[in-house]
């Protein structure tokens, strides 16, 4: 690896300072560094926007929490560029490397002592009155939910052009395996191992108590139809990209390309579940 990209959590002075330190450390090892413009103002290296960095680098380093990695990951879908997350946040489920180990981990990664895991994203398209009005990508989840109005919304869900259910609820979460430990888990969904190609479908406070989460094959095409909503509903991608939906709007969700994440060779998924989610066991 000769060309490394760096992005840091926005508007965070500590993350910015850490990014500048990492940039200097990499340059001292004769590596080319590309950073986002906010970092470049302080580090005096090549700058580019995230979408352009994805076309230029062989490794992307994310300094922040899971939110920063999600924002970055959506720009790297299908690029094949491995992303290393350095945790400056709280839980750090995706950004698994602690800051205290940053330089040691970078030494290992640059020496090729790492493994990669691919996580698929979801492509989302919104159709209104027969016209395509919006689109986006989600790495964790797609959430249809009531917005500011307290009343439930009503929607239909189709998979493979077949009706799955018509439901009144506060909303619904469609999650990738990477996102199964986020909002979907809080709403009662199952934890899905990242090597399983599946989409979790988790209703949020359904009016029909017999309605339960289901898991669909990742390659199923899913359609949501907003049937009834007392006010414009909300469509959220990874909890970061927000738009409003009107009654009659249709949301189409399908599997998109992959995001490639870097892990050290000793990384184990069940260790993460125990350490990050507080799973207990006999000592």
C-alpha atoms as a PDB file:
ATOM      1  CA  UNK A   1       0.000   0.000   0.000  1.00  0.00           C
ATOM      2  CA  UNK A   2       1.504   3.277  -1.123  1.00  0.00           C
ATOM      3  CA  UNK A   3      -1.409   5.722  -1.050  1.00  0.00           C
ATOM      4  CA  UNK A   4      -3.535   6.074   2.094  1.00  0.00           C
ATOM      5  CA  UNK A   5      -6.698   8.113   2.626  1.00  0.00           C
ATOM      6  CA  UNK A   6      -7.778   9.651   5.930  1.00  0.00           C
ATOM      7  CA  UNK A   7     -11.127  11.024   7.071  1.00  0.00           C
ATOM      8  CA  UNK A   8     -11.996  12.248  10.574  1.00  0.00           C
ATOM      9  CA  UNK A   9     -15.196  12.918  12.465  1.00  0.00           C
ATOM     10  CA  UNK A  10     -16.545  16.289  11.414  1.00  0.00           C
ATOM     11  CA  UNK A  11     -16.277  19.303  13.697  1.00  0.00           C
ATOM     12  CA  UNK A  12     -14.221  17.357  16.235  1.00  0.00           C
ATOM     13  CA  UNK A  13     -10.939  19.016  17.180  1.00  0.00           C
ATOM     14  CA  UNK A  14      -9.482  15.890  18.768  1.00  0.00           C
ATOM     15  CA  UNK A  15     -10.278  13.788  15.678  1.00  0.00           C
ATOM     16  CA  UNK A  16      -8.729  16.473  13.473  1.00  0.00           C
ATOM     17  CA  UNK A  17      -5.578  16.564  15.609  1.00  0.00           C
ATOM     18  CA  UNK A  18      -5.323  12.761  15.490  1.00  0.00           C
ATOM     19  CA  UNK A  19      -5.735  12.791  11.701  1.00  0.00           C
ATOM     20  CA  UNK A  20      -2.873  15.258  11.348  1.00  0.00           C
ATOM     21  CA  UNK A  21      -0.657  13.084  13.580  1.00  0.00           C
ATOM     22  CA  UNK A  22      -1.472   9.992  11.518  1.00  0.00           C
ATOM     23  CA  UNK A  23      -0.836  11.874   8.281  1.00  0.00           C
ATOM     24  CA  UNK A  24       2.614  12.941   9.491  1.00  0.00           C
ATOM     25  CA  UNK A  25       3.373   9.392  10.667  1.00  0.00           C
ATOM     26  CA  UNK A  26       2.495   7.977   7.241  1.00  0.00           C
ATOM     27  CA  UNK A  27       4.471  10.625   5.365  1.00  0.00           C
ATOM     28  CA  UNK A  28       7.518   9.863   7.518  1.00  0.00           C
ATOM     29  CA  UNK A  29       7.317   6.354   6.062  1.00  0.00           C
ATOM     30  CA  UNK A  30       7.354   7.711   2.497  1.00  0.00           C
ATOM     31  CA  UNK A  31       3.675   7.013   1.878  1.00  0.00           C
ATOM     32  CA  UNK A  32       1.360   9.273  -0.106  1.00  0.00           C
ATOM     33  CA  UNK A  33      -1.570  10.613   1.901  1.00  0.00           C
ATOM     34  CA  UNK A  34      -4.902  11.970   0.673  1.00  0.00           C
ATOM     35  CA  UNK A  35      -7.227  13.648   3.182  1.00  0.00           C
ATOM     36  CA  UNK A  36     -10.540  15.454   3.194  1.00  0.00           C
ATOM     37  CA  UNK A  37     -10.353  19.268   2.879  1.00  0.00           C
ATOM     38  CA  UNK A  38     -10.945  19.940   6.594  1.00  0.00           C
ATOM     39  CA  UNK A  39      -7.844  17.905   7.476  1.00  0.00           C
ATOM     40  CA  UNK A  40      -5.831  19.326   4.591  1.00  0.00           C
ATOM     41  CA  UNK A  41      -6.114  22.827   5.995  1.00  0.00           C
ATOM     42  CA  UNK A  42      -3.838  21.710   8.824  1.00  0.00           C
ATOM     43  CA  UNK A  43      -1.694  18.907   7.390  1.00  0.00           C
ATOM     44  CA  UNK A  44      -0.607  20.357   4.017  1.00  0.00           C
ATOM     45  CA  UNK A  45      -1.116  17.175   1.988  1.00  0.00           C
ATOM     46  CA  UNK A  46      -3.240  16.281  -1.034  1.00  0.00           C
ATOM     47  CA  UNK A  47      -6.945  16.859  -0.439  1.00  0.00           C
ATOM     48  CA  UNK A  48     -10.063  15.523  -2.121  1.00  0.00           C
ATOM     49  CA  UNK A  49     -13.711  14.905  -1.348  1.00  0.00           C
ATOM     50  CA  UNK A  50     -14.670  11.433  -0.126  1.00  0.00           C
ATOM     51  CA  UNK A  51     -16.150  10.346  -3.444  1.00  0.00           C
ATOM     52  CA  UNK A  52     -12.880  11.217  -5.196  1.00  0.00           C
ATOM     53  CA  UNK A  53     -10.632   9.732  -2.504  1.00  0.00           C
ATOM     54  CA  UNK A  54     -12.303   6.372  -3.127  1.00  0.00           C
ATOM     55  CA  UNK A  55     -10.834   6.426  -6.649  1.00  0.00           C
ATOM     56  CA  UNK A  56      -7.305   7.305  -5.546  1.00  0.00           C
ATOM     57  CA  UNK A  57      -6.266   5.296  -2.488  1.00  0.00           C
ATOM     58  CA  UNK A  58      -5.409   1.693  -1.596  1.00  0.00           C
ATOM     59  CA  UNK A  59      -6.484   1.990   2.047  1.00  0.00           C
ATOM     60  CA  UNK A  60      -8.933   4.331   3.799  1.00  0.00           C
ATOM     61  CA  UNK A  61      -8.541   5.135   7.491  1.00  0.00           C
ATOM     62  CA  UNK A  62     -11.587   6.444   9.360  1.00  0.00           C
ATOM     63  CA  UNK A  63     -11.035   8.309  12.635  1.00  0.00           C
ATOM     64  CA  UNK A  64     -14.286   8.561  14.585  1.00  0.00           C
ATOM     65  CA  UNK A  65     -17.166   6.364  15.640  1.00  0.00           C
ATOM     66  CA  UNK A  66     -19.498   4.080  13.732  1.00  0.00           C
ATOM     67  CA  UNK A  67     -21.380   7.093  12.364  1.00  0.00           C
ATOM     68  CA  UNK A  68     -18.249   8.413  10.654  1.00  0.00           C
ATOM     69  CA  UNK A  69     -17.535   4.989   9.202  1.00  0.00           C
ATOM     70  CA  UNK A  70     -21.092   4.667   7.872  1.00  0.00           C
ATOM     71  CA  UNK A  71     -20.877   8.055   6.208  1.00  0.00           C
ATOM     72  CA  UNK A  72     -17.548   7.112   4.650  1.00  0.00           C
ATOM     73  CA  UNK A  73     -18.598   3.591   3.708  1.00  0.00           C
ATOM     74  CA  UNK A  74     -21.490   4.785   1.545  1.00  0.00           C
ATOM     75  CA  UNK A  75     -18.949   6.624  -0.640  1.00  0.00           C
ATOM     76  CA  UNK A  76     -16.820   3.474  -0.997  1.00  0.00           C
ATOM     77  CA  UNK A  77     -19.539   1.006  -2.024  1.00  0.00           C
ATOM     78  CA  UNK A  78     -18.194  -1.129  -4.851  1.00  0.00           C
ATOM     79  CA  UNK A  79     -14.752   0.482  -4.786  1.00  0.00           C
ATOM     80  CA  UNK A  80     -12.973  -2.523  -3.273  1.00  0.00           C
ATOM     81  CA  UNK A  81     -10.856  -0.163  -1.160  1.00  0.00           C
ATOM     82  CA  UNK A  82     -10.413  -1.607   2.359  1.00  0.00           C
ATOM     83  CA  UNK A  83     -11.516   0.674   5.202  1.00  0.00           C
ATOM     84  CA  UNK A  84      -9.870   0.644   8.633  1.00  0.00           C
ATOM     85  CA  UNK A  85     -11.904   2.172  11.472  1.00  0.00           C
ATOM     86  CA  UNK A  86     -10.108   3.750  14.439  1.00  0.00           C
ATOM     87  CA  UNK A  87     -12.577   4.206  17.290  1.00  0.00           C
ATOM     88  CA  UNK A  88     -12.866   7.707  18.723  1.00  0.00           C
ATOM     89  CA  UNK A  89     -16.519   7.224  19.648  1.00  0.00           C
ATOM     90  CA  UNK A  90     -18.367   5.190  22.260  1.00  0.00           C
ATOM     91  CA  UNK A  91     -19.405   1.662  21.265  1.00  0.00           C
ATOM     92  CA  UNK A  92     -17.368   1.340  18.090  1.00  0.00           C
ATOM     93  CA  UNK A  93     -18.973  -1.836  16.759  1.00  0.00           C
ATOM     94  CA  UNK A  94     -17.682  -1.210  13.229  1.00  0.00           C
ATOM     95  CA  UNK A  95     -14.740   0.980  14.178  1.00  0.00           C
ATOM     96  CA  UNK A  96     -13.161  -1.822  16.129  1.00  0.00           C
ATOM     97  CA  UNK A  97      -9.558  -0.587  16.588  1.00  0.00           C
ATOM     98  CA  UNK A  98      -8.990   1.458  19.782  1.00  0.00           C
ATOM     99  CA  UNK A  99      -7.108   4.720  19.429  1.00  0.00           C
ATOM    100  CA  UNK A 100      -4.415   3.522  21.839  1.00  0.00           C
ATOM    101  CA  UNK A 101      -3.396   0.837  19.321  1.00  0.00           C
ATOM    102  CA  UNK A 102      -3.577   3.000  16.209  1.00  0.00           C
ATOM    103  CA  UNK A 103       0.098   3.085  15.232  1.00  0.00           C
ATOM    104  CA  UNK A 104       0.713  -0.578  16.092  1.00  0.00           C
ATOM    105  CA  UNK A 105      -2.304  -1.580  14.025  1.00  0.00           C
ATOM    106  CA  UNK A 106      -1.170   0.624  11.134  1.00  0.00           C
ATOM    107  CA  UNK A 107       2.222  -1.147  11.207  1.00  0.00           C
ATOM    108  CA  UNK A 108       0.466  -4.516  10.984  1.00  0.00           C
ATOM    109  CA  UNK A 109      -1.857  -3.411   8.180  1.00  0.00           C
ATOM    110  CA  UNK A 110       0.950  -1.875   6.124  1.00  0.00           C
ATOM    111  CA  UNK A 111       2.874  -5.134   6.561  1.00  0.00           C
ATOM    112  CA  UNK A 112      -0.118  -7.056   5.167  1.00  0.00           C
ATOM    113  CA  UNK A 113      -1.035  -8.654   8.485  1.00  0.00           C
ATOM    114  CA  UNK A 114      -4.797  -8.205   8.314  1.00  0.00           C
ATOM    115  CA  UNK A 115      -7.949  -9.708   6.865  1.00  0.00           C
ATOM    116  CA  UNK A 116     -10.930  -8.120   5.158  1.00  0.00           C
ATOM    117  CA  UNK A 117     -14.655  -8.695   5.475  1.00  0.00           C
ATOM    118  CA  UNK A 118     -17.149  -7.577   2.870  1.00  0.00           C
ATOM    119  CA  UNK A 119     -20.475  -6.094   3.972  1.00  0.00           C
ATOM    120  CA  UNK A 120     -23.144  -5.495   1.358  1.00  0.00           C
ATOM    121  CA  UNK A 121     -25.059  -2.239   1.148  1.00  0.00           C
ATOM    122  CA  UNK A 122     -28.686  -1.555   0.195  1.00  0.00           C
ATOM    123  CA  UNK A 123     -29.782   0.505  -2.793  1.00  0.00           C
ATOM    124  CA  UNK A 124     -32.931   2.550  -2.148  1.00  0.00           C
ATOM    125  CA  UNK A 125     -35.136   4.255  -4.738  1.00  0.00           C
ATOM    126  CA  UNK A 126     -38.285   6.290  -4.103  1.00  0.00           C
ATOM    127  CA  UNK A 127     -41.068   6.577  -6.689  1.00  0.00           C
ATOM    128  CA  UNK A 128     -43.874   9.153  -6.438  1.00  0.00           C
ATOM    129  CA  UNK A 129     -46.760   9.238  -8.906  1.00  0.00           C
ATOM    130  CA  UNK A 130     -44.775   7.052 -11.270  1.00  0.00           C
ATOM    131  CA  UNK A 131     -41.662   9.266 -11.195  1.00  0.00           C
ATOM    132  CA  UNK A 132     -38.332   8.491  -9.579  1.00  0.00           C
ATOM    133  CA  UNK A 133     -37.762  11.228  -6.974  1.00  0.00           C
ATOM    134  CA  UNK A 134     -34.941  10.045  -4.710  1.00  0.00           C
ATOM    135  CA  UNK A 135     -32.263   7.399  -4.249  1.00  0.00           C
ATOM    136  CA  UNK A 136     -29.473   6.504  -1.863  1.00  0.00           C
ATOM    137  CA  UNK A 137     -27.339   3.820  -0.269  1.00  0.00           C
ATOM    138  CA  UNK A 138     -27.430   2.356   3.225  1.00  0.00           C
ATOM    139  CA  UNK A 139     -24.726   0.301   4.889  1.00  0.00           C
ATOM    140  CA  UNK A 140     -26.643  -0.461   8.093  1.00  0.00           C
ATOM    141  CA  UNK A 141     -30.368  -0.001   7.580  1.00  0.00           C
ATOM    142  CA  UNK A 142     -33.292   1.545   5.767  1.00  0.00           C
ATOM    143  CA  UNK A 143     -36.033   2.812   8.096  1.00  0.00           C
ATOM    144  CA  UNK A 144     -39.553   3.855   7.135  1.00  0.00           C
ATOM    145  CA  UNK A 145     -41.283   5.476  10.117  1.00  0.00           C
ATOM    146  CA  UNK A 146     -43.797   8.048  11.238  1.00  0.00           C
ATOM    147  CA  UNK A 147     -42.205  11.459  11.391  1.00  0.00           C
ATOM    148  CA  UNK A 148     -43.402  14.181  13.799  1.00  0.00           C
ATOM    149  CA  UNK A 149     -47.029  13.052  14.004  1.00  0.00           C
ATOM    150  CA  UNK A 150     -47.790  10.673  16.929  1.00  0.00           C
ATOM    151  CA  UNK A 151     -50.163   8.380  15.004  1.00  0.00           C
ATOM    152  CA  UNK A 152     -49.039   5.140  13.362  1.00  0.00           C
ATOM    153  CA  UNK A 153     -48.557   4.789   9.632  1.00  0.00           C
ATOM    154  CA  UNK A 154     -49.854   2.005   7.413  1.00  0.00           C
ATOM    155  CA  UNK A 155     -47.812   0.355   4.700  1.00  0.00           C
ATOM    156  CA  UNK A 156     -47.548  -2.737   2.535  1.00  0.00           C
ATOM    157  CA  UNK A 157     -44.434  -4.786   1.970  1.00  0.00           C
ATOM    158  CA  UNK A 158     -43.772  -6.918  -1.100  1.00  0.00           C
ATOM    159  CA  UNK A 159     -40.892  -9.334  -1.768  1.00  0.00           C
ATOM    160  CA  UNK A 160     -40.430 -11.041  -5.154  1.00  0.00           C
ATOM    161  CA  UNK A 161     -43.552  -9.134  -6.228  1.00  0.00           C
ATOM    162  CA  UNK A 162     -45.580 -11.057  -3.625  1.00  0.00           C
ATOM    163  CA  UNK A 163     -47.420  -9.404  -0.741  1.00  0.00           C
ATOM    164  CA  UNK A 164     -45.717 -10.132   2.585  1.00  0.00           C
ATOM    165  CA  UNK A 165     -48.005  -8.087   4.841  1.00  0.00           C
ATOM    166  CA  UNK A 166     -50.032  -4.932   5.247  1.00  0.00           C
ATOM    167  CA  UNK A 167     -49.242  -3.390   8.600  1.00  0.00           C
ATOM    168  CA  UNK A 168     -50.023  -0.500  10.914  1.00  0.00           C
ATOM    169  CA  UNK A 169     -46.979   0.369  13.022  1.00  0.00           C
ATOM    170  CA  UNK A 170     -44.612   3.145  13.996  1.00  0.00           C
ATOM    171  CA  UNK A 171     -42.451   1.946  11.127  1.00  0.00           C
ATOM    172  CA  UNK A 172     -40.165  -0.786   9.849  1.00  0.00           C
ATOM    173  CA  UNK A 173     -36.422  -1.451   9.736  1.00  0.00           C
ATOM    174  CA  UNK A 174     -34.733  -3.250   6.850  1.00  0.00           C
ATOM    175  CA  UNK A 175     -31.207  -4.088   7.999  1.00  0.00           C
ATOM    176  CA  UNK A 176     -28.094  -5.637   6.542  1.00  0.00           C
ATOM    177  CA  UNK A 177     -26.157  -8.108   8.733  1.00  0.00           C
ATOM    178  CA  UNK A 178     -23.831  -5.230   9.658  1.00  0.00           C
ATOM    179  CA  UNK A 179     -26.888  -3.242  10.732  1.00  0.00           C
ATOM    180  CA  UNK A 180     -28.539  -6.115  12.587  1.00  0.00           C
ATOM    181  CA  UNK A 181     -26.755  -5.027  15.797  1.00  0.00           C
ATOM    182  CA  UNK A 182     -28.018  -1.432  15.500  1.00  0.00           C
ATOM    183  CA  UNK A 183     -31.606  -0.126  15.364  1.00  0.00           C
ATOM    184  CA  UNK A 184     -32.953  -3.506  14.223  1.00  0.00           C
ATOM    185  CA  UNK A 185     -31.614  -5.148  17.387  1.00  0.00           C
ATOM    186  CA  UNK A 186     -33.190  -2.463  19.593  1.00  0.00           C
ATOM    187  CA  UNK A 187     -36.518  -3.061  17.827  1.00  0.00           C
ATOM    188  CA  UNK A 188     -36.408  -6.785  18.616  1.00  0.00           C
ATOM    189  CA  UNK A 189     -34.634  -8.181  15.574  1.00  0.00           C
ATOM    190  CA  UNK A 190     -32.119 -11.019  15.490  1.00  0.00           C
ATOM    191  CA  UNK A 191     -28.341 -10.629  15.335  1.00  0.00           C
ATOM    192  CA  UNK A 192     -27.286 -11.848  11.888  1.00  0.00           C
ATOM    193  CA  UNK A 193     -23.729 -13.058  11.342  1.00  0.00           C
ATOM    194  CA  UNK A 194     -21.972 -10.821   8.771  1.00  0.00           C
ATOM    195  CA  UNK A 195     -21.185 -13.783   6.502  1.00  0.00           C
ATOM    196  CA  UNK A 196     -24.899 -14.491   5.990  1.00  0.00           C
ATOM    197  CA  UNK A 197     -26.398 -12.848   2.906  1.00  0.00           C
ATOM    198  CA  UNK A 198     -29.717 -11.709   4.348  1.00  0.00           C
ATOM    199  CA  UNK A 199     -31.915  -8.693   5.040  1.00  0.00           C
ATOM    200  CA  UNK A 200     -33.643  -8.420   8.417  1.00  0.00           C
ATOM    201  CA  UNK A 201     -37.204  -7.097   8.348  1.00  0.00           C
ATOM    202  CA  UNK A 202     -38.146  -5.711  11.764  1.00  0.00           C
ATOM    203  CA  UNK A 203     -41.464  -3.907  12.422  1.00  0.00           C
ATOM    204  CA  UNK A 204     -41.324  -1.020  14.906  1.00  0.00           C
ATOM    205  CA  UNK A 205     -44.136  -1.267  17.485  1.00  0.00           C
ATOM    206  CA  UNK A 206     -46.613  -3.067  15.188  1.00  0.00           C
ATOM    207  CA  UNK A 207     -50.310  -2.737  16.026  1.00  0.00           C
ATOM    208  CA  UNK A 208     -50.759  -6.464  15.344  1.00  0.00           C
ATOM    209  CA  UNK A 209     -48.843  -8.238  18.097  1.00  0.00           C
ATOM    210  CA  UNK A 210     -48.583 -11.444  16.051  1.00  0.00           C
ATOM    211  CA  UNK A 211     -46.349  -9.652  13.541  1.00  0.00           C
ATOM    212  CA  UNK A 212     -42.729 -10.663  14.103  1.00  0.00           C
ATOM    213  CA  UNK A 213     -39.368  -9.946  12.472  1.00  0.00           C
ATOM    214  CA  UNK A 214     -38.440 -12.066   9.471  1.00  0.00           C
ATOM    215  CA  UNK A 215     -35.212 -12.587   7.549  1.00  0.00           C
ATOM    216  CA  UNK A 216     -35.179 -12.554   3.743  1.00  0.00           C
ATOM    217  CA  UNK A 217     -32.508 -13.531   1.220  1.00  0.00           C
ATOM    218  CA  UNK A 218     -30.264 -10.569   0.395  1.00  0.00           C
ATOM    219  CA  UNK A 219     -31.057 -10.787  -3.313  1.00  0.00           C
ATOM    220  CA  UNK A 220     -34.811 -10.421  -2.858  1.00  0.00           C
ATOM    221  CA  UNK A 221     -36.196  -7.174  -4.256  1.00  0.00           C
ATOM    222  CA  UNK A 222     -38.331  -5.470  -1.612  1.00  0.00           C
ATOM    223  CA  UNK A 223     -41.043  -2.862  -2.110  1.00  0.00           C
ATOM    224  CA  UNK A 224     -42.736  -0.727   0.539  1.00  0.00           C
ATOM    225  CA  UNK A 225     -45.952   1.154  -0.272  1.00  0.00           C
ATOM    226  CA  UNK A 226     -47.023   3.913   2.111  1.00  0.00           C
ATOM    227  CA  UNK A 227     -50.796   3.426   2.305  1.00  0.00           C
ATOM    228  CA  UNK A 228     -51.830   5.777   5.081  1.00  0.00           C
ATOM    229  CA  UNK A 229     -50.020   8.497   7.003  1.00  0.00           C
ATOM    230  CA  UNK A 230     -51.624  11.437   8.851  1.00  0.00           C
ATOM    231  CA  UNK A 231     -48.593  13.557   7.922  1.00  0.00           C
ATOM    232  CA  UNK A 232     -45.511  13.069   5.738  1.00  0.00           C
ATOM    233  CA  UNK A 233     -43.590  10.019   6.946  1.00  0.00           C
ATOM    234  CA  UNK A 234     -39.796   9.706   7.197  1.00  0.00           C
ATOM    235  CA  UNK A 235     -37.312   7.576   5.269  1.00  0.00           C
ATOM    236  CA  UNK A 236     -33.899   7.298   6.946  1.00  0.00           C
ATOM    237  CA  UNK A 237     -30.743   5.654   5.611  1.00  0.00           C
ATOM    238  CA  UNK A 238     -28.270   4.680   8.337  1.00  0.00           C
ATOM    239  CA  UNK A 239     -29.925   7.296  10.546  1.00  0.00           C
ATOM    240  CA  UNK A 240     -27.991   9.926   8.583  1.00  0.00           C
ATOM    241  CA  UNK A 241     -29.734  10.530   5.253  1.00  0.00           C
ATOM    242  CA  UNK A 242     -33.276  11.751   5.777  1.00  0.00           C
ATOM    243  CA  UNK A 243     -36.179  12.405   3.410  1.00  0.00           C
ATOM    244  CA  UNK A 244     -39.970  12.641   3.667  1.00  0.00           C
ATOM    245  CA  UNK A 245     -42.563  10.395   2.093  1.00  0.00           C
ATOM    246  CA  UNK A 246     -46.149  11.120   1.109  1.00  0.00           C
ATOM    247  CA  UNK A 247     -49.090   8.743   1.005  1.00  0.00           C
ATOM    248  CA  UNK A 248     -48.842   6.622  -2.129  1.00  0.00           C
ATOM    249  CA  UNK A 249     -45.050   6.776  -2.326  1.00  0.00           C
ATOM    250  CA  UNK A 250     -43.231   3.554  -3.142  1.00  0.00           C
ATOM    251  CA  UNK A 251     -39.815   2.585  -1.793  1.00  0.00           C
ATOM    252  CA  UNK A 252     -37.767  -0.040  -3.634  1.00  0.00           C
ATOM    253  CA  UNK A 253     -34.883  -1.733  -1.799  1.00  0.00           C
ATOM    254  CA  UNK A 254     -32.353  -4.136  -3.269  1.00  0.00           C
ATOM    255  CA  UNK A 255     -28.885  -5.453  -2.570  1.00  0.00           C
ATOM    256  CA  UNK A 256     -26.093  -3.158  -3.726  1.00  0.00           C
ATOM    257  CA  UNK A 257     -22.326  -3.699  -3.963  1.00  0.00           C
ATOM    258  CA  UNK A 258     -20.018  -4.358  -1.046  1.00  0.00           C
ATOM    259  CA  UNK A 259     -18.030  -2.262   1.423  1.00  0.00           C
ATOM    260  CA  UNK A 260     -14.690  -3.806   2.436  1.00  0.00           C
ATOM    261  CA  UNK A 261     -13.644  -3.453   6.081  1.00  0.00           C
ATOM    262  CA  UNK A 262     -10.210  -4.221   7.564  1.00  0.00           C
ATOM    263  CA  UNK A 263      -9.767  -6.361  10.674  1.00  0.00           C
ATOM    264  CA  UNK A 264      -6.658  -7.680  12.393  1.00  0.00           C
ATOM    265  CA  UNK A 265      -5.931 -11.370  11.981  1.00  0.00           C
ATOM    266  CA  UNK A 266      -6.954 -12.213  15.569  1.00  0.00           C
ATOM    267  CA  UNK A 267     -10.357 -10.459  15.221  1.00  0.00           C
ATOM    268  CA  UNK A 268     -13.349 -12.666  16.003  1.00  0.00           C
ATOM    269  CA  UNK A 269     -17.018 -11.736  15.621  1.00  0.00           C
ATOM    270  CA  UNK A 270     -18.131 -13.411  18.843  1.00  0.00           C
ATOM    271  CA  UNK A 271     -15.455 -11.553  20.786  1.00  0.00           C
ATOM    272  CA  UNK A 272     -17.036  -8.344  19.498  1.00  0.00           C
ATOM    273  CA  UNK A 273     -20.509  -9.444  20.612  1.00  0.00           C
ATOM    274  CA  UNK A 274     -19.233 -10.191  24.096  1.00  0.00           C
ATOM    275  CA  UNK A 275     -17.090  -7.085  24.468  1.00  0.00           C
ATOM    276  CA  UNK A 276     -19.300  -4.521  22.734  1.00  0.00           C
ATOM    277  CA  UNK A 277     -22.795  -5.795  23.515  1.00  0.00           C
ATOM    278  CA  UNK A 278     -22.101  -7.082  27.004  1.00  0.00           C
ATOM    279  CA  UNK A 279     -22.749 -10.753  26.330  1.00  0.00           C
ATOM    280  CA  UNK A 280     -21.815 -12.623  29.487  1.00  0.00           C
ATOM    281  CA  UNK A 281     -20.417 -16.076  30.074  1.00  0.00           C
ATOM    282  CA  UNK A 282     -18.853 -18.093  32.802  1.00  0.00           C
ATOM    283  CA  UNK A 283     -15.420 -16.866  33.768  1.00  0.00           C
END
